[in-house]
Amino acid sequence: MLSIIIPCYNEEEIIEDFIDELRENINKIKEDFEIIFVDNKSSDKTVLKIKQDINKFKKMQNNMSLKLFW
């Protein structure tokens, strides 16, 4: 299994664009994989935006697992 670990800290301004870009390219992965967002106590709305956008992934692939730690 491939693990994609994404560290985050106060990324409110760019996290939505990042997630959209990731979604556009994620279907190139043919093996089982997981995406792990790790937030280091952001003081902005990074975690909220990740939670809102994480649903975009759920409809994509069966070989994918999503996790968020904060």
Protein backbone atom coordinates (compact mmCIF):
# COMPACT_ATOMS: atom_id res chain seq x y z
CA MET A 1 0.00 0.00 0.00
CA LEU A 2 1.18 3.47 -0.89
CA SER A 3 0.85 6.18 1.79
CA ILE A 4 0.60 9.84 0.82
CA ILE A 5 1.26 11.91 3.92
CA ILE A 6 0.38 15.60 3.74
CA PRO A 7 1.61 17.77 6.61
CA CYS A 8 -0.45 20.94 7.11
CA TYR A 9 -0.01 24.06 9.17
CA ASN A 10 -2.09 27.18 8.52
CA GLU A 11 -2.77 26.23 4.91
CA GLU A 12 -6.26 27.72 4.75
CA GLU A 13 -5.39 29.84 1.72
CA ILE A 14 -4.10 26.99 -0.44
CA ILE A 15 -5.52 23.72 0.87
CA GLU A 16 -8.59 23.70 -1.38
CA ASP A 17 -6.50 24.23 -4.51
CA PHE A 18 -4.09 21.55 -3.32
CA ILE A 19 -6.91 19.06 -2.74
CA ASP A 20 -8.39 19.79 -6.17
CA GLU A 21 -5.01 19.25 -7.81
CA LEU A 22 -4.48 16.05 -5.84
CA ARG A 23 -7.91 14.77 -6.89
CA GLU A 24 -7.19 15.45 -10.54
CA ASN A 25 -4.02 13.37 -10.42
CA ILE A 26 -4.92 10.67 -7.94
CA ASN A 27 -6.60 8.41 -10.47
CA LYS A 28 -3.19 7.68 -11.97
CA ILE A 29 -2.43 5.49 -8.96
CA LYS A 30 -3.41 1.91 -9.72
CA GLU A 31 -2.46 0.25 -6.44
CA ASP A 32 -4.11 0.52 -3.02
CA PHE A 33 -3.23 3.76 -1.29
CA GLU A 34 -4.10 6.03 1.59
CA ILE A 35 -4.06 9.79 1.95
CA ILE A 36 -3.18 11.07 5.40
CA PHE A 37 -3.58 14.74 6.26
CA VAL A 38 -1.64 15.69 9.40
CA ASP A 39 -2.39 19.10 10.83
CA ASN A 40 -0.01 20.58 13.39
CA LYS A 41 -2.48 22.69 15.41
CA SER A 42 -3.26 25.24 12.74
CA SER A 43 -4.79 28.44 14.06
CA ASP A 44 -6.78 29.05 10.89
CA LYS A 45 -9.52 27.01 9.16
CA THR A 46 -7.25 24.41 7.58
CA VAL A 47 -8.88 21.44 9.34
CA LEU A 48 -12.38 22.68 8.56
CA LYS A 49 -11.56 23.05 4.87
CA ILE A 50 -10.01 19.58 4.74
CA LYS A 51 -13.11 18.11 6.39
CA GLN A 52 -15.34 19.86 3.87
CA ASP A 53 -13.28 18.79 0.86
CA ILE A 54 -12.57 15.24 1.98
CA ASN A 55 -15.99 14.16 0.68
CA LYS A 56 -14.77 14.86 -2.85
CA PHE A 57 -12.48 11.85 -2.51
CA LYS A 58 -15.01 9.41 -1.12
CA LYS A 59 -16.75 8.94 -4.46
CA MET A 60 -13.58 8.42 -6.44
CA GLN A 61 -11.92 5.06 -5.92
CA ASN A 62 -12.37 1.84 -4.02
CA ASN A 63 -8.64 1.34 -3.47
CA MET A 64 -8.27 4.51 -1.39
CA SER A 65 -8.34 5.25 2.33
CA LEU A 66 -8.54 8.76 3.85
CA LYS A 67 -7.39 9.92 7.27
CA LEU A 68 -7.14 13.25 9.03
CA PHE A 69 -5.16 13.83 12.22
CA TRP A 70 -5.13 17.11 14.10
